[in-house]
Amino acid sequence: MKILFRHETNASNYIYTGLSNALAAKGHDCVFWNQESVPAFDMFDSFEPEIFIGQGYNLDRATIKCLKSRPDIKVLLKVGCWGQVCSDVDIEKYPILN
């Protein structure tokens, strides 16, 4: 599987790095994406991930559009549901666990 990790600069970076290493050892194609360096549409169009792993607090409209345009993509988010992020996500269709 092709797995895209949203690059984090906080403690999640270490968690995601360990998870990426474990998944890569099992043969999965794992890539870290620095949103400040590569636009969302460029990253999603060039890599075509099957799984996206990130956090809700730093989702932007472009990333949400990329996720919505790929109905088969699996999304794993560490999220607290408040603010504009949640208004852009259909929580009936995509339940968010708090």
N, C-alpha and C. Protein backbone atom coordinates (compact mmCIF):
# COMPACT_ATOMS: atom_id res chain seq x y z
N MET A 1 0.83 -1.18 0.00
CA MET A 1 0.00 0.00 0.00
C MET A 1 0.88 1.24 0.00
N LYS A 2 0.34 2.30 -0.58
CA LYS A 2 1.02 3.59 -0.60
C LYS A 2 0.45 4.45 0.53
N ILE A 3 1.30 4.80 1.47
CA ILE A 3 0.87 5.49 2.68
C ILE A 3 1.55 6.85 2.75
N LEU A 4 0.73 7.90 2.87
CA LEU A 4 1.24 9.26 2.95
C LEU A 4 1.08 9.78 4.38
N PHE A 5 2.18 10.17 4.98
CA PHE A 5 2.19 10.76 6.32
C PHE A 5 2.37 12.26 6.19
N ARG A 6 1.53 13.01 6.85
CA ARG A 6 1.71 14.47 6.93
C ARG A 6 2.86 14.72 7.90
N HIS A 7 3.92 15.37 7.44
CA HIS A 7 5.09 15.63 8.29
C HIS A 7 4.69 16.51 9.47
N GLU A 8 5.12 16.13 10.65
CA GLU A 8 4.86 16.88 11.87
C GLU A 8 6.18 17.28 12.50
N THR A 9 6.17 18.39 13.21
CA THR A 9 7.39 18.82 13.91
C THR A 9 7.28 18.61 15.41
N ASN A 10 6.15 18.08 15.86
CA ASN A 10 5.97 17.84 17.29
C ASN A 10 6.25 16.36 17.60
N ALA A 11 5.80 15.92 18.75
CA ALA A 11 6.05 14.53 19.17
C ALA A 11 5.49 13.51 18.20
N SER A 12 4.45 13.88 17.46
CA SER A 12 3.87 12.96 16.49
C SER A 12 4.89 12.53 15.44
N ASN A 13 5.88 13.36 15.18
CA ASN A 13 6.93 13.00 14.22
C ASN A 13 7.59 11.68 14.60
N TYR A 14 7.89 11.51 15.87
CA TYR A 14 8.55 10.28 16.32
C TYR A 14 7.61 9.08 16.22
N ILE A 15 6.35 9.29 16.54
CA ILE A 15 5.36 8.22 16.44
C ILE A 15 5.20 7.82 14.97
N TYR A 16 5.04 8.81 14.09
CA TYR A 16 4.84 8.53 12.67
C TYR A 16 6.08 7.90 12.05
N THR A 17 7.26 8.31 12.49
CA THR A 17 8.49 7.71 11.97
C THR A 17 8.57 6.23 12.33
N GLY A 18 8.25 5.90 13.57
CA GLY A 18 8.24 4.49 13.99
C GLY A 18 7.20 3.68 13.23
N LEU A 19 6.01 4.25 13.07
CA LEU A 19 4.95 3.57 12.32
C LEU A 19 5.37 3.38 10.86
N SER A 20 5.95 4.40 10.28
CA SER A 20 6.42 4.31 8.89
C SER A 20 7.49 3.23 8.74
N ASN A 21 8.43 3.18 9.66
CA ASN A 21 9.49 2.16 9.60
C ASN A 21 8.90 0.75 9.69
N ALA A 22 7.93 0.56 10.58
CA ALA A 22 7.31 -0.76 10.73
C ALA A 22 6.54 -1.14 9.46
N LEU A 23 5.79 -0.20 8.91
CA LEU A 23 5.02 -0.48 7.69
C LEU A 23 5.93 -0.71 6.49
N ALA A 24 7.01 0.06 6.40
CA ALA A 24 7.96 -0.13 5.30
C ALA A 24 8.64 -1.50 5.40
N ALA A 25 8.91 -1.95 6.62
CA ALA A 25 9.51 -3.27 6.81
C ALA A 25 8.58 -4.38 6.32
N LYS A 26 7.29 -4.10 6.30
CA LYS A 26 6.30 -5.07 5.80
C LYS A 26 6.02 -4.89 4.31
N GLY A 27 6.79 -4.00 3.67
CA GLY A 27 6.68 -3.86 2.22
C GLY A 27 5.81 -2.72 1.72
N HIS A 28 5.33 -1.88 2.62
CA HIS A 28 4.49 -0.76 2.20
C HIS A 28 5.36 0.42 1.77
N ASP A 29 4.83 1.21 0.84
CA ASP A 29 5.52 2.40 0.33
C ASP A 29 5.08 3.59 1.16
N CYS A 30 5.95 4.08 2.04
CA CYS A 30 5.62 5.16 2.97
C CYS A 30 6.38 6.42 2.60
N VAL A 31 5.66 7.54 2.57
CA VAL A 31 6.26 8.82 2.22
C VAL A 31 5.80 9.87 3.23
N PHE A 32 6.75 10.71 3.66
CA PHE A 32 6.42 11.86 4.50
C PHE A 32 6.24 13.08 3.61
N TRP A 33 5.20 13.86 3.87
CA TRP A 33 4.89 15.03 3.07
C TRP A 33 5.02 16.28 3.92
N ASN A 34 5.87 17.20 3.48
CA ASN A 34 6.00 18.50 4.13
C ASN A 34 5.10 19.47 3.39
N GLN A 35 4.00 19.82 4.00
CA GLN A 35 2.98 20.65 3.37
C GLN A 35 3.50 22.05 3.04
N GLU A 36 4.52 22.51 3.75
CA GLU A 36 5.06 23.84 3.49
C GLU A 36 5.95 23.85 2.24
N SER A 37 6.44 22.69 1.83
CA SER A 37 7.33 22.60 0.67
C SER A 37 6.63 22.15 -0.60
N VAL A 38 5.64 21.28 -0.46
CA VAL A 38 4.96 20.71 -1.63
C VAL A 38 3.45 20.92 -1.47
N PRO A 39 2.80 21.58 -2.43
CA PRO A 39 1.36 21.79 -2.35
C PRO A 39 0.60 20.46 -2.31
N ALA A 40 -0.55 20.48 -1.66
CA ALA A 40 -1.36 19.27 -1.48
C ALA A 40 -1.69 18.60 -2.80
N PHE A 41 -2.18 19.36 -3.77
CA PHE A 41 -2.57 18.75 -5.04
C PHE A 41 -1.39 18.09 -5.74
N ASP A 42 -0.22 18.71 -5.68
CA ASP A 42 0.97 18.10 -6.28
C ASP A 42 1.33 16.79 -5.59
N MET A 43 1.28 16.78 -4.26
CA MET A 43 1.66 15.57 -3.51
C MET A 43 0.68 14.44 -3.77
N PHE A 44 -0.61 14.73 -3.66
CA PHE A 44 -1.61 13.68 -3.85
C PHE A 44 -1.64 13.19 -5.29
N ASP A 45 -1.47 14.09 -6.26
CA ASP A 45 -1.50 13.68 -7.67
C ASP A 45 -0.26 12.87 -8.05
N SER A 46 0.89 13.21 -7.49
CA SER A 46 2.11 12.50 -7.87
C SER A 46 2.27 11.16 -7.14
N PHE A 47 1.87 11.11 -5.87
CA PHE A 47 2.06 9.88 -5.09
C PHE A 47 0.85 8.95 -5.13
N GLU A 48 -0.36 9.51 -5.26
CA GLU A 48 -1.61 8.73 -5.27
C GLU A 48 -1.69 7.78 -4.07
N PRO A 49 -1.73 8.33 -2.85
CA PRO A 49 -1.75 7.47 -1.66
C PRO A 49 -3.05 6.68 -1.52
N GLU A 50 -2.93 5.52 -0.91
CA GLU A 50 -4.10 4.71 -0.57
C GLU A 50 -4.53 4.97 0.87
N ILE A 51 -3.58 5.44 1.68
CA ILE A 51 -3.85 5.79 3.08
C ILE A 51 -3.19 7.13 3.37
N PHE A 52 -3.91 8.00 4.07
CA PHE A 52 -3.36 9.28 4.52
C PHE A 52 -3.38 9.29 6.04
N ILE A 53 -2.24 9.65 6.65
CA ILE A 53 -2.14 9.72 8.11
C ILE A 53 -1.69 11.12 8.49
N GLY A 54 -2.47 11.77 9.34
CA GLY A 54 -2.15 13.13 9.76
C GLY A 54 -2.93 13.52 11.00
N GLN A 55 -3.03 14.84 11.19
CA GLN A 55 -3.76 15.37 12.33
C GLN A 55 -4.79 16.38 11.85
N GLY A 56 -5.86 16.49 12.57
CA GLY A 56 -6.94 17.38 12.17
C GLY A 56 -6.62 18.85 12.31
N TYR A 57 -5.79 19.21 13.27
CA TYR A 57 -5.58 20.63 13.55
C TYR A 57 -4.89 21.37 12.40
N ASN A 58 -4.15 20.65 11.55
CA ASN A 58 -3.44 21.34 10.48
C ASN A 58 -3.94 20.97 9.09
N LEU A 59 -5.15 20.42 9.01
CA LEU A 59 -5.74 20.19 7.70
C LEU A 59 -6.11 21.54 7.10
N ASP A 60 -5.86 21.70 5.81
CA ASP A 60 -6.30 22.91 5.14
C ASP A 60 -7.30 22.53 4.05
N ARG A 61 -7.87 23.53 3.40
CA ARG A 61 -8.90 23.26 2.39
C ARG A 61 -8.36 22.41 1.23
N ALA A 62 -7.13 22.65 0.83
CA ALA A 62 -6.56 21.88 -0.28
C ALA A 62 -6.45 20.40 0.07
N THR A 63 -5.98 20.11 1.28
CA THR A 63 -5.85 18.71 1.70
C THR A 63 -7.22 18.05 1.79
N ILE A 64 -8.19 18.77 2.34
CA ILE A 64 -9.55 18.23 2.44
C ILE A 64 -10.11 17.96 1.05
N LYS A 65 -9.88 18.86 0.10
CA LYS A 65 -10.35 18.63 -1.28
C LYS A 65 -9.69 17.39 -1.88
N CYS A 66 -8.39 17.23 -1.63
CA CYS A 66 -7.68 16.05 -2.15
C CYS A 66 -8.26 14.77 -1.56
N LEU A 67 -8.57 14.79 -0.27
CA LEU A 67 -9.14 13.61 0.38
C LEU A 67 -10.55 13.33 -0.13
N LYS A 68 -11.36 14.38 -0.26
CA LYS A 68 -12.73 14.21 -0.74
C LYS A 68 -12.78 13.71 -2.18
N SER A 69 -11.78 14.08 -2.98
CA SER A 69 -11.78 13.68 -4.39
C SER A 69 -11.32 12.24 -4.59
N ARG A 70 -10.91 11.60 -3.51
CA ARG A 70 -10.46 10.21 -3.57
C ARG A 70 -11.31 9.37 -2.63
N PRO A 71 -12.48 8.94 -3.08
CA PRO A 71 -13.41 8.25 -2.17
C PRO A 71 -12.88 6.92 -1.63
N ASP A 72 -11.89 6.33 -2.27
CA ASP A 72 -11.37 5.04 -1.80
C ASP A 72 -10.21 5.18 -0.83
N ILE A 73 -9.70 6.40 -0.63
CA ILE A 73 -8.57 6.58 0.28
C ILE A 73 -9.02 6.35 1.72
N LYS A 74 -8.16 5.73 2.49
CA LYS A 74 -8.40 5.54 3.92
C LYS A 74 -7.68 6.67 4.65
N VAL A 75 -8.33 7.25 5.64
CA VAL A 75 -7.78 8.40 6.35
C VAL A 75 -7.70 8.08 7.83
N LEU A 76 -6.52 8.30 8.38
CA LEU A 76 -6.31 8.15 9.82
C LEU A 76 -5.87 9.51 10.34
N LEU A 77 -6.72 10.11 11.18
CA LEU A 77 -6.42 11.43 11.73
C LEU A 77 -6.46 11.38 13.24
N LYS A 78 -5.49 12.04 13.84
CA LYS A 78 -5.58 12.35 15.26
C LYS A 78 -6.28 13.69 15.29
N VAL A 79 -7.50 13.70 15.85
CA VAL A 79 -8.31 14.91 15.70
C VAL A 79 -9.09 15.21 16.96
N GLY A 80 -9.17 16.46 17.27
CA GLY A 80 -10.13 16.96 18.24
C GLY A 80 -11.15 17.72 17.42
N CYS A 81 -12.39 17.40 17.55
CA CYS A 81 -13.41 17.95 16.65
C CYS A 81 -13.93 19.29 17.16
N TRP A 82 -13.34 20.36 16.65
CA TRP A 82 -13.85 21.70 16.91
C TRP A 82 -13.36 22.61 15.81
N GLY A 83 -14.02 23.72 15.64
CA GLY A 83 -13.59 24.72 14.67
C GLY A 83 -13.94 24.38 13.24
N GLN A 84 -13.33 25.12 12.33
CA GLN A 84 -13.63 25.03 10.91
C GLN A 84 -13.31 23.67 10.31
N VAL A 85 -12.31 22.98 10.83
CA VAL A 85 -11.96 21.66 10.29
C VAL A 85 -13.18 20.77 10.27
N CYS A 86 -13.93 20.75 11.36
CA CYS A 86 -15.09 19.86 11.45
C CYS A 86 -16.25 20.32 10.59
N SER A 87 -16.35 21.62 10.30
CA SER A 87 -17.44 22.08 9.46
C SER A 87 -17.24 21.63 8.01
N ASP A 88 -16.02 21.31 7.61
CA ASP A 88 -15.73 20.85 6.25
C ASP A 88 -15.84 19.34 6.09
N VAL A 89 -16.01 18.61 7.18
CA VAL A 89 -16.05 17.16 7.14
C VAL A 89 -17.45 16.68 7.50
N ASP A 90 -18.00 15.81 6.69
CA ASP A 90 -19.32 15.22 6.97
C ASP A 90 -19.13 14.13 8.03
N ILE A 91 -19.41 14.48 9.30
CA ILE A 91 -19.14 13.53 10.38
C ILE A 91 -20.18 12.41 10.44
N GLU A 92 -21.26 12.53 9.68
CA GLU A 92 -22.19 11.40 9.55
C GLU A 92 -21.56 10.32 8.67
N LYS A 93 -20.95 10.76 7.57
CA LYS A 93 -20.33 9.84 6.63
C LYS A 93 -18.97 9.38 7.13
N TYR A 94 -18.21 10.30 7.78
CA TYR A 94 -16.88 10.00 8.29
C TYR A 94 -16.86 10.25 9.79
N PRO A 95 -17.30 9.29 10.59
CA PRO A 95 -17.37 9.50 12.04
C PRO A 95 -16.00 9.84 12.64
N ILE A 96 -16.01 10.82 13.49
CA ILE A 96 -14.79 11.24 14.18
C ILE A 96 -14.90 10.81 15.62
N LEU A 97 -13.91 10.07 16.09
CA LEU A 97 -13.88 9.63 17.48
C LEU A 97 -13.09 10.63 18.29
N ASN A 98 -13.62 11.04 19.40
CA ASN A 98 -12.90 11.95 20.29
C ASN A 98 -12.29 11.18 21.42
